[in-house]
Amino acid sequence: MVIRVWAPHAGRVELAIASERIAMTLGDRGWWLADPPAAVAGADYAFLLDGAEPPIPDPRSNWQPAGVHGPSRLVDHASFRWSDAGWNAPALEAAVIYELHVGTFTPAGTFDAAIERLRHLVDLGVTHVELMPVAEFPGNRGWGYDGVDLFAPHHSYGGPDGLKRLADACHAHRLAILIDVVYNHLGPDGNYLPRFGPYLTDRYSTPWGDAINFDDRGSDEVRRFFCDNAQMWLRDYHADGLRIDAVHAISDNSARHLLEQLAEETAALEQRLGRRLVLIAESDANDPRIVRPPELGGYGIGAQWSDDLHHALHSVLTGERTGYYADFGTVADLAKAITRAFVYDGRHSAFRGRRHGRWPAGISGNRFLGYLQTHDQVGNRAQGERTARLMSLGRLKIGAAIVITAPFIPMIFAGEEWAASTPFLYFTGHDNPDLARAVSEGRKRSFAAAGGAIGEVPDPQAPATFARSKLLWSEVASPPHNEILAWYRELLSLRAATPELRDGRLDLVKVQFDEAARWLTITRGAITLACNLADRTQPVALGDRAPRRIVMASDPRITLSGATVDLPPDTVAIVRTS
């Protein structure tokens, strides 16, 4: 097995393998090569650059069994016995995405343990399972957004074969699998890439330090590194798509943006593999170019997260107005999010102090994800409170009904479907004491600056912070959790059985509301959703067409009279008209 490493910064590279130090040969464009007999699957190895000790891991390591500072291990991807021949993921238009963190999804927190809960997702109505980042990051616990060995599934989750078993099991359950990847920065601990080559550039800065070099000198091989990484997850781990973290923080002034290159290469791989693949971007830029096709000046990404719907919905349901929620809070904002995807589409943002966004004219709602919760929106709160802690049961049902019947791809954050009582906190497991202290103190300072009490912020480094974030599956069968779970299942069943709820036709969505009276109706084809956000019972007119029947109701007191529905406070009804 030939071992290759790109190290244009090095004058000499040695391969440490099987107690030997082997001089590598310099090939083209800074690539070093060696083909020793010991290079077989399962062998551990590392590199010495210009004789510097200790040896360091391979930037493209497929396995880091001892963590980010340990040796790399060779993997033979062809040796895994897959059972998913003929599998093809559902089209994104039909998707219901379920975001989960492997470490907190089950008590064991491993890929194999997650398999045991896939039946729950099938029964819920999920089609796509999205894993928060699984690439090797420092320590044994963390969110995964500080990864440094981007080709290696995390050792504490079960390594390469564990992830393959999970992907294979997902496909056996008719579930697609998406993997969250981070291409905008690298973690601070175990990041050896700058010692090998110009992976970073000081041309731009990010909240995490120097930006990744996608357009400066030496960037060709850096771009190849990230594009090859994307292809690896899709090809070698049979992933059905990738969620690309914070693309607004990817700085690239090339004529062909990295996102466009990723989209083109993914489309080509899709043709070669003969199965459906998708890319989904996270962005707070409200920029429709992300999902527009290249022939119309876009990057060709399949879909993007839409925080405006979350912010508009969250602020209306909870009454929160701090931070970026100050830009939201009216029923009118919520109505605009439902009909136009972006509330800020060139409108002035007081929070940002400038105009923000652009109208995504002509783009299908199926190019946007809608959600009531995400790991960010829960975990970036000081106490990691889920919406179940922030609003009434009635408002939880309203939020779920709006997200699942909206003209977007619905996404559910693990535990949301049963109003999990456990928080999802920010947690880390850094072994470096200086970094661990800096993370703990920085977390407290950030919330103190925002007006919070320092003592109220859980220490990210404390094992208890991680333990508190694990889901309690014992809750599922007990009230009120089972009531919310039944509501989600019924909503998702309705969506699956109703074509007009999946067509993404923003131009056909009709929304009516009364800001003062605090009610809202959303009509999509023969389905009308009526919400009462007021503290009093009130009648809500559903339009000219006489309704045939109430399909779903969040409260047994809801009644229908002709084309008017009487809604108690904090209730929602879904009505089918003739």
Protein backbone atom coordinates (compact mmCIF):
# COMPACT_ATOMS: atom_id res chain seq x y z
CA MET A 1 0.00 0.00 0.00
CA VAL A 2 1.55 3.31 -1.11
CA ILE A 3 1.54 6.02 1.55
CA ARG A 4 1.46 9.60 0.24
CA VAL A 5 1.50 12.94 2.01
CA TRP A 6 1.44 16.49 0.71
CA ALA A 7 4.16 18.40 2.58
CA PRO A 8 5.56 21.23 0.43
CA HIS A 9 6.85 23.00 3.56
CA ALA A 10 9.19 20.11 4.42
CA GLY A 11 12.70 19.55 3.11
CA ARG A 12 12.72 15.97 4.38
CA VAL A 13 9.90 13.58 5.32
CA GLU A 14 10.24 10.26 7.11
CA LEU A 15 7.57 7.62 7.61
CA ALA A 16 7.42 6.04 11.07
CA ILE A 17 5.88 2.58 10.72
CA ALA A 18 6.48 -0.81 12.37
CA SER A 19 9.34 0.57 14.53
CA GLU A 20 11.11 1.85 11.42
CA ARG A 21 11.94 5.30 10.11
CA ILE A 22 11.76 5.25 6.30
CA ALA A 23 12.88 8.17 4.14
CA MET A 24 10.10 9.17 1.76
CA THR A 25 10.65 10.21 -1.86
CA LEU A 26 9.63 13.64 -3.10
CA GLY A 27 7.35 13.47 -6.11
CA ASP A 28 5.45 16.16 -8.01
CA ARG A 29 4.01 19.33 -6.45
CA GLY A 30 5.15 18.65 -2.90
CA TRP A 31 3.86 15.08 -2.59
CA TRP A 32 6.05 12.58 -0.73
CA LEU A 33 5.70 8.81 -1.28
CA ALA A 34 6.74 5.51 0.33
CA ASP A 35 5.72 1.89 -0.29
CA PRO A 36 7.05 -0.20 2.60
CA PRO A 37 6.01 -3.84 3.13
CA ALA A 38 4.58 -2.92 6.55
CA ALA A 39 1.98 -0.61 4.97
CA VAL A 40 -1.03 -2.90 5.31
CA ALA A 41 -4.52 -2.35 6.69
CA GLY A 42 -4.40 -2.05 10.47
CA ALA A 43 -0.82 -0.76 10.60
CA ASP A 44 -0.10 2.38 12.63
CA TYR A 45 2.09 5.11 11.13
CA ALA A 46 3.05 8.78 11.44
CA PHE A 47 5.36 11.33 9.82
CA LEU A 48 8.49 13.21 10.85
CA LEU A 49 8.98 16.52 9.07
CA ASP A 50 12.62 17.62 8.85
CA GLY A 51 13.47 15.28 11.71
CA ALA A 52 11.21 17.01 14.25
CA GLU A 53 10.01 14.76 17.08
CA PRO A 54 7.54 13.39 17.93
CA PRO A 55 6.04 11.94 14.75
CA ILE A 56 2.70 13.50 13.81
CA PRO A 57 -0.48 12.08 12.23
CA ASP A 58 -1.34 11.97 8.55
CA PRO A 59 -3.49 14.97 7.48
CA ARG A 60 -5.62 12.45 5.53
CA SER A 61 -5.66 9.82 8.27
CA ASN A 62 -8.64 7.47 7.98
CA TRP A 63 -8.46 6.44 11.62
CA GLN A 64 -7.05 7.97 14.82
CA PRO A 65 -7.68 5.26 17.43
CA ALA A 66 -5.65 7.12 20.09
CA GLY A 67 -7.01 10.57 19.32
CA VAL A 68 -5.71 13.65 17.53
CA HIS A 69 -2.11 13.35 18.77
CA GLY A 70 -1.72 9.61 18.29
CA PRO A 71 -0.54 7.66 15.24
CA SER A 72 -2.73 7.17 12.18
CA ARG A 73 -3.99 3.72 11.22
CA LEU A 74 -4.33 2.38 7.69
CA VAL A 75 -7.84 1.37 6.61
CA ASP A 76 -8.94 -0.84 3.73
CA HIS A 77 -12.37 0.53 2.85
CA ALA A 78 -12.97 -2.31 0.38
CA SER A 79 -12.93 -4.89 3.18
CA PHE A 80 -16.22 -3.78 4.74
CA ARG A 81 -19.19 -5.98 3.77
CA TRP A 82 -22.06 -3.69 2.82
CA SER A 83 -25.63 -4.94 2.51
CA ASP A 84 -27.24 -1.87 0.89
CA ALA A 85 -26.95 -2.75 -2.81
CA GLY A 86 -29.66 -1.01 -4.79
CA TRP A 87 -30.29 1.60 -2.11
CA ASN A 88 -31.27 5.09 -3.24
CA ALA A 89 -32.17 7.95 -0.93
CA PRO A 90 -35.58 9.64 -1.13
CA ALA A 91 -35.66 12.88 -3.09
CA LEU A 92 -34.97 15.93 -0.97
CA GLU A 93 -38.45 17.24 -1.80
CA ALA A 94 -39.92 14.37 0.24
CA ALA A 95 -37.42 14.65 3.08
CA VAL A 96 -37.94 14.92 6.80
CA ILE A 97 -34.51 15.45 8.38
CA TYR A 98 -33.58 14.43 11.92
CA GLU A 99 -30.45 16.10 13.35
CA LEU A 100 -28.68 14.20 16.10
CA HIS A 101 -25.45 14.23 18.08
CA VAL A 102 -24.02 10.72 18.27
CA GLY A 103 -22.60 11.16 21.76
CA THR A 104 -25.85 12.32 23.37
CA PHE A 105 -28.39 10.38 21.30
CA THR A 106 -28.00 7.24 23.43
CA PRO A 107 -26.48 6.42 26.84
CA ALA A 108 -23.52 4.68 25.16
CA GLY A 109 -23.04 7.51 22.67
CA THR A 110 -21.71 5.38 19.80
CA PHE A 111 -22.56 4.65 16.17
CA ASP A 112 -23.61 1.12 17.09
CA ALA A 113 -25.84 2.30 19.92
CA ALA A 114 -27.59 4.74 17.55
CA ILE A 115 -28.62 1.78 15.39
CA GLU A 116 -30.84 0.57 18.22
CA ARG A 117 -33.00 3.71 17.92
CA LEU A 118 -33.49 3.78 14.16
CA ARG A 119 -36.88 2.09 14.41
CA HIS A 120 -38.10 5.07 16.44
CA LEU A 121 -37.13 7.40 13.59
CA VAL A 122 -38.90 5.25 11.01
CA ASP A 123 -42.08 5.21 13.11
CA LEU A 124 -41.83 8.98 13.53
CA GLY A 125 -41.78 9.55 9.77
CA VAL A 126 -38.14 10.59 9.32
CA THR A 127 -36.46 10.04 5.93
CA HIS A 128 -32.95 11.47 6.50
CA VAL A 129 -30.71 11.15 9.58
CA GLU A 130 -28.20 14.01 9.89
CA LEU A 131 -25.18 13.41 12.13
CA MET A 132 -23.47 16.37 13.74
CA PRO A 133 -19.73 16.31 12.84
CA VAL A 134 -18.10 12.93 13.40
CA ALA A 135 -14.57 13.72 12.16
CA GLU A 136 -11.84 13.29 14.78
CA PHE A 137 -11.81 16.16 17.30
CA PRO A 138 -9.80 16.59 20.55
CA GLY A 139 -10.86 14.53 23.55
CA ASN A 140 -13.66 12.01 23.98
CA ARG A 141 -16.65 14.37 23.96
CA GLY A 142 -17.61 17.51 22.10
CA TRP A 143 -19.92 18.93 19.46
CA GLY A 144 -17.41 18.07 16.72
CA TYR A 145 -17.01 21.51 15.17
CA ASP A 146 -13.36 21.67 16.24
CA GLY A 147 -12.30 18.69 14.16
CA VAL A 148 -8.71 18.39 12.90
CA ASP A 149 -8.46 14.92 11.34
CA LEU A 150 -11.23 15.40 8.83
CA PHE A 151 -10.94 11.98 7.15
CA ALA A 152 -11.19 9.95 10.39
CA PRO A 153 -14.51 9.10 12.11
CA HIS A 154 -14.12 9.85 15.82
CA HIS A 155 -12.57 7.07 17.85
CA SER A 156 -14.98 7.34 20.81
CA TYR A 157 -18.00 6.92 18.52
CA GLY A 158 -16.69 3.67 17.03
CA GLY A 159 -14.25 4.64 14.27
CA PRO A 160 -14.58 3.82 10.56
CA ASP A 161 -16.35 0.46 10.82
CA GLY A 162 -18.79 1.81 13.39
CA LEU A 163 -19.88 4.59 11.06
CA LYS A 164 -20.19 2.12 8.17
CA ARG A 165 -22.38 -0.15 10.29
CA LEU A 166 -24.62 2.82 11.13
CA ALA A 167 -24.89 3.90 7.49
CA ASP A 168 -25.65 0.33 6.42
CA ALA A 169 -28.31 0.01 9.13
CA CYS A 170 -29.88 3.34 8.14
CA HIS A 171 -30.26 2.11 4.59
CA ALA A 172 -31.72 -1.17 5.82
CA HIS A 173 -34.35 0.92 7.62
CA ARG A 174 -34.94 2.98 4.43
CA LEU A 175 -33.31 6.00 6.04
CA ALA A 176 -30.83 8.22 4.23
CA ILE A 177 -27.78 9.42 6.18
CA LEU A 178 -26.25 12.91 6.03
CA ILE A 179 -22.95 13.93 7.62
CA ASP A 180 -22.20 17.43 8.93
CA VAL A 181 -18.79 18.64 7.69
CA VAL A 182 -16.80 21.71 8.71
CA TYR A 183 -14.87 23.38 5.90
CA ASN A 184 -14.61 26.91 7.31
CA HIS A 185 -12.05 26.39 10.09
CA LEU A 186 -10.01 23.80 11.98
CA GLY A 187 -9.85 23.12 15.70
CA PRO A 188 -7.03 24.55 17.84
CA ASP A 189 -5.78 21.29 19.36
CA GLY A 190 -4.16 18.61 17.20
CA ASN A 191 -4.15 20.80 14.09
CA TYR A 192 -0.88 19.79 12.44
CA LEU A 193 -1.90 20.80 8.91
CA PRO A 194 0.04 24.12 8.83
CA ARG A 195 3.25 22.19 9.46
CA PHE A 196 2.70 20.25 6.23
CA GLY A 197 1.65 23.00 3.86
CA PRO A 198 -0.26 26.28 3.29
CA TYR A 199 -3.61 25.04 4.56
CA LEU A 200 -4.31 28.41 6.22
CA THR A 201 -4.03 31.99 5.01
CA ASP A 202 -3.82 35.33 6.81
CA ARG A 203 -5.55 36.99 3.86
CA TYR A 204 -8.84 36.58 5.77
CA SER A 205 -9.75 36.09 9.40
CA THR A 206 -12.52 34.10 11.01
CA PRO A 207 -13.90 33.96 14.58
CA TRP A 208 -11.62 30.95 14.98
CA GLY A 209 -8.39 32.50 13.63
CA ASP A 210 -6.77 32.36 10.18
CA ALA A 211 -9.03 31.23 7.38
CA ILE A 212 -8.58 28.08 5.33
CA ASN A 213 -6.63 28.80 2.16
CA PHE A 214 -9.03 28.35 -0.75
CA ASP A 215 -7.67 31.08 -3.06
CA ASP A 216 -4.12 32.03 -2.03
CA ARG A 217 -0.78 30.53 -3.08
CA GLY A 218 -0.78 26.73 -2.78
CA SER A 219 -4.57 26.58 -2.58
CA ASP A 220 -5.01 24.02 -5.40
CA GLU A 221 -4.02 21.12 -3.16
CA VAL A 222 -5.92 22.59 -0.20
CA ARG A 223 -9.10 22.69 -2.26
CA ARG A 224 -8.40 19.15 -3.38
CA PHE A 225 -8.05 18.09 0.28
CA PHE A 226 -11.55 19.31 1.12
CA CYS A 227 -13.18 18.10 -2.09
CA ASP A 228 -11.61 14.66 -1.60
CA ASN A 229 -12.90 14.68 1.96
CA ALA A 230 -16.44 15.31 0.75
CA GLN A 231 -16.16 12.52 -1.79
CA MET A 232 -14.80 10.12 0.83
CA TRP A 233 -17.87 10.41 3.09
CA LEU A 234 -20.19 9.91 0.12
CA ARG A 235 -18.23 7.07 -1.50
CA ASP A 236 -16.48 5.11 1.27
CA TYR A 237 -19.12 5.57 3.99
CA HIS A 238 -22.14 5.45 1.66
CA ALA A 239 -23.43 8.78 2.99
CA ASP A 240 -26.33 10.20 1.00
CA GLY A 241 -25.32 13.81 1.49
CA LEU A 242 -23.43 16.39 3.48
CA ARG A 243 -24.48 19.35 5.58
CA ILE A 244 -21.75 22.01 5.14
CA ASP A 245 -21.25 24.14 8.25
CA ALA A 246 -21.33 27.96 8.17
CA VAL A 247 -20.53 28.50 4.50
CA HIS A 248 -20.67 32.27 5.05
CA ALA A 249 -17.32 31.81 6.85
CA ILE A 250 -15.69 30.18 3.82
CA SER A 251 -13.59 32.92 2.22
CA ASP A 252 -12.98 32.23 -1.46
CA ASN A 253 -12.63 34.85 -4.19
CA SER A 254 -11.80 32.31 -6.90
CA ALA A 255 -13.73 32.50 -10.15
CA ARG A 256 -15.08 29.08 -9.24
CA HIS A 257 -16.13 29.16 -5.61
CA LEU A 258 -15.40 26.11 -3.48
CA LEU A 259 -19.14 25.47 -3.05
CA GLU A 260 -19.63 25.38 -6.80
CA GLN A 261 -16.72 22.95 -7.14
CA LEU A 262 -18.15 20.74 -4.41
CA ALA A 263 -21.57 20.77 -6.09
CA GLU A 264 -20.14 19.89 -9.51
CA GLU A 265 -17.97 17.07 -8.17
CA THR A 266 -20.84 15.69 -6.09
CA ALA A 267 -23.08 15.64 -9.18
CA ALA A 268 -20.38 13.76 -11.08
CA LEU A 269 -19.98 11.26 -8.23
CA GLU A 270 -23.75 10.81 -8.15
CA GLN A 271 -23.64 9.74 -11.78
CA ARG A 272 -20.79 7.30 -11.17
CA LEU A 273 -22.40 5.73 -8.09
CA GLY A 274 -25.89 5.66 -9.57
CA ARG A 275 -27.59 6.92 -6.42
CA ARG A 276 -28.95 10.25 -5.24
CA LEU A 277 -26.55 12.59 -3.37
CA VAL A 278 -27.25 16.01 -1.88
CA LEU A 279 -25.37 18.95 -0.37
CA ILE A 280 -27.04 21.21 2.21
CA ALA A 281 -25.41 24.46 3.31
CA GLU A 282 -25.73 26.35 6.56
CA SER A 283 -25.56 30.10 5.99
CA ASP A 284 -26.72 33.21 7.80
CA ALA A 285 -26.13 35.42 4.74
CA ASN A 286 -29.65 35.00 3.29
CA ASP A 287 -27.97 34.68 -0.10
CA PRO A 288 -29.98 32.82 -2.76
CA ARG A 289 -26.82 32.27 -4.84
CA ILE A 290 -26.06 29.29 -2.63
CA VAL A 291 -28.94 27.27 -4.08
CA ARG A 292 -29.27 28.83 -7.52
CA PRO A 293 -27.83 26.72 -10.37
CA PRO A 294 -24.45 27.82 -11.79
CA GLU A 295 -26.03 28.78 -15.13
CA LEU A 296 -28.00 31.42 -13.21
CA GLY A 297 -24.98 32.66 -11.29
CA GLY A 298 -25.36 30.37 -8.28
CA TYR A 299 -23.31 27.66 -6.61
CA GLY A 300 -25.73 24.78 -7.21
CA ILE A 301 -26.03 23.54 -3.62
CA GLY A 302 -29.15 21.40 -3.09
CA ALA A 303 -30.64 23.29 -0.13
CA GLN A 304 -29.78 25.61 2.74
CA TRP A 305 -30.82 26.17 6.33
CA SER A 306 -33.23 29.10 6.80
CA ASP A 307 -32.74 30.68 10.20
CA ASP A 308 -35.28 33.42 9.51
CA LEU A 309 -38.19 31.01 9.88
CA HIS A 310 -36.74 29.75 13.16
CA HIS A 311 -36.13 33.25 14.52
CA ALA A 312 -39.55 34.54 13.46
CA LEU A 313 -41.34 31.51 14.90
CA HIS A 314 -39.28 31.35 18.10
CA SER A 315 -39.73 35.02 18.91
CA VAL A 316 -43.50 34.88 18.36
CA LEU A 317 -43.93 31.73 20.45
CA THR A 318 -41.60 32.69 23.34
CA GLY A 319 -41.68 36.47 23.32
CA GLU A 320 -37.86 36.62 23.39
CA ARG A 321 -36.38 39.81 21.90
CA THR A 322 -32.72 39.72 22.93
CA GLY A 323 -29.80 39.38 20.51
CA TYR A 324 -30.82 38.60 16.95
CA TYR A 325 -34.40 38.02 18.08
CA ALA A 326 -34.65 41.82 18.34
CA ASP A 327 -35.07 41.80 14.54
CA PHE A 328 -38.17 39.61 14.82
CA GLY A 329 -41.25 39.20 16.99
CA THR A 330 -44.27 40.14 14.85
CA VAL A 331 -46.81 37.82 13.28
CA ALA A 332 -46.11 39.72 10.05
CA ASP A 333 -42.48 38.55 10.18
CA LEU A 334 -43.64 34.98 10.63
CA ALA A 335 -46.04 35.29 7.70
CA LYS A 336 -43.23 36.62 5.52
CA ALA A 337 -40.89 33.79 6.53
CA ILE A 338 -43.54 31.25 5.52
CA THR A 339 -44.25 32.82 2.12
CA ARG A 340 -40.81 34.15 1.10
CA ALA A 341 -38.28 32.07 3.12
CA PHE A 342 -36.20 35.13 4.05
CA VAL A 343 -37.62 37.85 6.29
CA TYR A 344 -34.45 39.83 5.69
CA ASP A 345 -34.28 39.98 1.91
CA GLY A 346 -32.63 43.37 1.56
CA ARG A 347 -34.43 44.84 4.54
CA HIS A 348 -32.57 46.81 7.20
CA SER A 349 -31.54 44.78 10.23
CA ALA A 350 -31.31 46.72 13.48
CA PHE A 351 -29.28 43.90 15.04
CA ARG A 352 -26.72 44.00 12.23
CA GLY A 353 -26.93 47.76 11.67
CA ARG A 354 -27.26 47.34 7.89
CA ARG A 355 -29.39 45.89 5.15
CA HIS A 356 -29.27 42.13 5.05
CA GLY A 357 -30.10 39.40 2.56
CA ARG A 358 -31.72 39.19 -0.84
CA TRP A 359 -35.12 37.94 -2.01
CA PRO A 360 -34.86 34.33 -3.30
CA ALA A 361 -37.16 35.01 -6.24
CA GLY A 362 -38.31 31.96 -8.15
CA ILE A 363 -36.62 29.45 -5.83
CA SER A 364 -38.68 26.53 -4.53
CA GLY A 365 -39.38 26.22 -0.83
CA ASN A 366 -37.84 22.76 -1.08
CA ARG A 367 -34.46 24.49 -1.33
CA PHE A 368 -34.77 25.62 2.31
CA LEU A 369 -34.89 23.78 5.62
CA GLY A 370 -37.38 24.89 8.27
CA TYR A 371 -37.08 24.06 11.96
CA LEU A 372 -38.20 24.91 15.47
CA GLN A 373 -34.92 23.77 17.07
CA THR A 374 -31.34 23.04 16.01
CA HIS A 375 -28.18 22.20 17.92
CA ASP A 376 -27.09 25.84 17.59
CA GLN A 377 -30.34 27.46 18.67
CA VAL A 378 -30.55 25.22 21.74
CA GLY A 379 -26.90 24.67 22.58
CA ASN A 380 -25.80 28.29 22.25
CA ARG A 381 -28.12 29.29 25.07
CA ALA A 382 -26.34 29.48 28.43
CA GLN A 383 -28.54 26.76 29.93
CA GLY A 384 -29.10 24.81 26.70
CA GLU A 385 -32.87 25.00 27.13
CA ARG A 386 -35.02 23.27 24.55
CA THR A 387 -38.29 24.87 23.45
CA ALA A 388 -40.15 22.58 25.87
CA ARG A 389 -38.67 24.69 28.69
CA LEU A 390 -39.50 27.98 27.00
CA MET A 391 -43.15 27.67 26.00
CA SER A 392 -46.42 25.94 26.80
CA LEU A 393 -47.47 22.57 25.47
CA GLY A 394 -49.98 24.32 23.23
CA ARG A 395 -47.33 26.55 21.70
CA LEU A 396 -45.04 23.58 21.17
CA LYS A 397 -47.80 22.01 19.10
CA ILE A 398 -48.30 25.25 17.14
CA GLY A 399 -44.58 25.45 16.37
CA ALA A 400 -44.42 21.85 15.20
CA ALA A 401 -47.53 22.25 13.05
CA ILE A 402 -46.17 25.34 11.31
CA VAL A 403 -42.75 23.79 10.60
CA ILE A 404 -44.13 20.49 9.32
CA THR A 405 -46.85 22.01 7.10
CA ALA A 406 -44.70 24.92 5.85
CA PRO A 407 -43.42 24.88 2.22
CA PHE A 408 -39.91 23.93 3.35
CA ILE A 409 -38.06 20.72 4.21
CA PRO A 410 -38.78 20.10 7.90
CA MET A 411 -35.92 19.31 10.26
CA ILE A 412 -36.27 17.98 13.80
CA PHE A 413 -33.57 18.14 16.46
CA ALA A 414 -33.18 14.87 18.38
CA GLY A 415 -35.57 14.75 21.34
CA GLU A 416 -37.70 17.62 20.08
CA GLU A 417 -40.40 15.17 18.97
CA TRP A 418 -41.16 14.17 22.56
CA ALA A 419 -40.39 17.53 24.23
CA ALA A 420 -37.26 16.10 25.86
CA SER A 421 -36.62 17.55 29.30
CA THR A 422 -32.84 17.25 28.99
CA PRO A 423 -30.90 20.33 27.86
CA PHE A 424 -28.42 20.30 25.02
CA LEU A 425 -25.46 22.16 26.49
CA TYR A 426 -22.15 23.24 25.01
CA PHE A 427 -19.63 20.61 26.14
CA THR A 428 -15.98 19.82 25.43
CA GLY A 429 -13.41 17.30 26.58
CA HIS A 430 -10.07 18.98 25.88
CA ASP A 431 -7.04 17.17 27.35
CA ASN A 432 -4.84 20.26 26.97
CA PRO A 433 -5.20 22.02 30.36
CA ASP A 434 -4.54 25.50 29.00
CA LEU A 435 -7.12 25.12 26.24
CA ALA A 436 -9.61 23.53 28.64
CA ARG A 437 -9.28 26.49 31.02
CA ALA A 438 -9.57 29.00 28.18
CA VAL A 439 -12.75 27.36 26.87
CA SER A 440 -14.38 27.28 30.32
CA GLU A 441 -13.48 30.88 31.12
CA GLY A 442 -14.36 32.13 27.65
CA ARG A 443 -17.82 30.58 27.85
CA LYS A 444 -18.53 32.38 31.11
CA ARG A 445 -17.18 35.70 29.83
CA SER A 446 -19.29 35.59 26.68
CA PHE A 447 -22.54 35.23 28.64
CA ALA A 448 -21.46 37.70 31.33
CA ALA A 449 -20.92 40.27 28.57
CA ALA A 450 -24.45 39.57 27.37
CA GLY A 451 -25.85 40.30 30.83
CA GLY A 452 -25.99 36.77 32.23
CA ALA A 453 -24.82 35.62 35.65
CA ILE A 454 -21.44 33.90 35.46
CA GLY A 455 -22.40 31.25 37.97
CA GLU A 456 -25.31 30.14 35.82
CA VAL A 457 -23.17 28.95 32.88
CA PRO A 458 -22.32 25.23 33.07
CA ASP A 459 -18.63 24.47 32.64
CA PRO A 460 -18.19 22.98 29.13
CA GLN A 461 -15.29 20.86 30.40
CA ALA A 462 -17.20 19.25 33.26
CA PRO A 463 -18.19 15.64 32.48
CA ALA A 464 -21.55 16.37 34.10
CA THR A 465 -22.31 18.96 31.41
CA PHE A 466 -22.03 16.27 28.76
CA ALA A 467 -23.94 13.73 30.85
CA ARG A 468 -26.84 16.15 31.39
CA SER A 469 -27.16 16.56 27.61
CA LYS A 470 -27.87 12.88 26.94
CA LEU A 471 -31.44 12.09 25.95
CA LEU A 472 -33.62 10.21 28.44
CA TRP A 473 -35.42 7.64 26.32
CA SER A 474 -37.45 6.55 29.35
CA GLU A 475 -39.47 9.76 28.95
CA VAL A 476 -40.95 8.78 25.61
CA ALA A 477 -43.83 6.68 26.98
CA SER A 478 -44.88 9.03 29.78
CA PRO A 479 -47.01 12.21 29.66
CA PRO A 480 -46.72 14.86 28.39
CA HIS A 481 -43.90 13.48 26.23
CA ASN A 482 -46.04 10.77 24.65
CA GLU A 483 -48.68 13.37 23.77
CA ILE A 484 -46.16 15.52 21.88
CA LEU A 485 -44.70 12.44 20.18
CA ALA A 486 -48.15 11.41 18.96
CA TRP A 487 -48.68 14.96 17.65
CA TYR A 488 -45.42 14.87 15.66
CA ARG A 489 -46.20 11.44 14.25
CA GLU A 490 -49.64 12.55 13.13
CA LEU A 491 -48.29 15.74 11.55
CA LEU A 492 -45.59 13.86 9.63
CA SER A 493 -48.10 11.27 8.48
CA LEU A 494 -50.33 14.06 7.19
CA ARG A 495 -47.40 15.62 5.35
CA ALA A 496 -46.44 12.30 3.74
CA ALA A 497 -50.02 11.72 2.57
CA THR A 498 -50.65 15.25 1.24
CA PRO A 499 -48.82 16.23 -1.98
CA GLU A 500 -49.55 19.96 -1.62
CA LEU A 501 -47.65 19.98 1.68
CA ARG A 502 -44.51 18.79 -0.11
CA ASP A 503 -44.59 20.75 -3.38
CA GLY A 504 -42.47 23.71 -2.19
CA ARG A 505 -44.68 26.13 -4.14
CA LEU A 506 -44.16 29.42 -2.30
CA ASP A 507 -46.32 31.18 -4.88
CA LEU A 508 -49.31 29.06 -3.86
CA VAL A 509 -49.02 29.60 -0.11
CA LYS A 510 -51.69 31.91 1.28
CA VAL A 511 -51.21 33.43 4.72
CA GLN A 512 -53.67 35.65 6.56
CA PHE A 513 -53.14 37.10 10.02
CA ASP A 514 -54.24 39.73 12.48
CA GLU A 515 -51.35 41.28 14.39
CA ALA A 516 -53.52 42.75 17.12
CA ALA A 517 -55.77 39.72 17.56
CA ARG A 518 -52.74 37.36 17.32
CA TRP A 519 -54.09 34.75 14.93
CA LEU A 520 -52.64 33.29 11.74
CA THR A 521 -53.90 31.00 8.97
CA ILE A 522 -51.80 29.22 6.36
CA THR A 523 -53.48 27.66 3.32
CA ARG A 524 -51.77 25.18 1.01
CA GLY A 525 -54.16 23.62 -1.47
CA ALA A 526 -57.02 22.00 0.41
CA ILE A 527 -55.24 22.24 3.77
CA THR A 528 -55.59 25.24 6.06
CA LEU A 529 -53.72 25.62 9.33
CA ALA A 530 -55.30 28.01 11.85
CA CYS A 531 -53.36 29.21 14.92
CA ASN A 532 -54.51 31.24 17.90
CA LEU A 533 -51.61 32.92 19.70
CA ALA A 534 -53.86 35.06 21.88
CA ASP A 535 -54.73 34.56 25.55
CA ARG A 536 -58.44 34.29 24.78
CA THR A 537 -60.73 32.08 22.75
CA GLN A 538 -61.60 33.57 19.38
CA PRO A 539 -63.20 32.61 16.07
CA VAL A 540 -60.93 32.52 13.03
CA ALA A 541 -62.39 32.68 9.52
CA LEU A 542 -60.89 30.20 7.09
CA GLY A 543 -61.91 31.83 3.82
CA ASP A 544 -64.68 31.42 1.28
CA ARG A 545 -64.51 27.66 0.84
CA ALA A 546 -66.60 25.75 3.36
CA PRO A 547 -64.35 23.36 5.28
CA ARG A 548 -65.24 19.69 5.16
CA ARG A 549 -63.63 18.57 8.40
CA ILE A 550 -60.97 19.13 11.02
CA VAL A 551 -58.03 16.86 10.18
CA MET A 552 -56.03 17.57 13.34
CA ALA A 553 -56.60 19.65 16.45
CA SER A 554 -54.22 20.39 19.31
CA ASP A 555 -57.10 20.78 21.79
CA PRO A 556 -60.43 18.90 22.04
CA ARG A 557 -62.25 22.19 22.69
CA ILE A 558 -61.65 23.37 19.12
CA THR A 559 -64.91 23.45 17.15
CA LEU A 560 -65.79 24.13 13.52
CA SER A 561 -68.82 26.04 12.29
CA GLY A 562 -69.05 26.50 8.53
CA ALA A 563 -65.94 28.38 7.45
CA THR A 564 -65.05 29.51 10.96
CA VAL A 565 -63.07 27.65 13.59
CA ASP A 566 -63.28 28.57 17.27
CA LEU A 567 -59.83 28.35 18.81
CA PRO A 568 -59.07 28.43 22.54
CA PRO A 569 -55.81 30.16 23.58
CA ASP A 570 -52.55 28.66 22.24
CA THR A 571 -54.20 26.13 19.96
CA VAL A 572 -53.95 25.07 16.34
CA ALA A 573 -56.30 23.26 13.98
CA ILE A 574 -55.65 21.76 10.57
CA VAL A 575 -58.72 21.81 8.34
CA ARG A 576 -59.31 20.17 4.97
CA THR A 577 -61.63 22.07 2.66
CA SER A 578 -63.71 20.75 -0.20
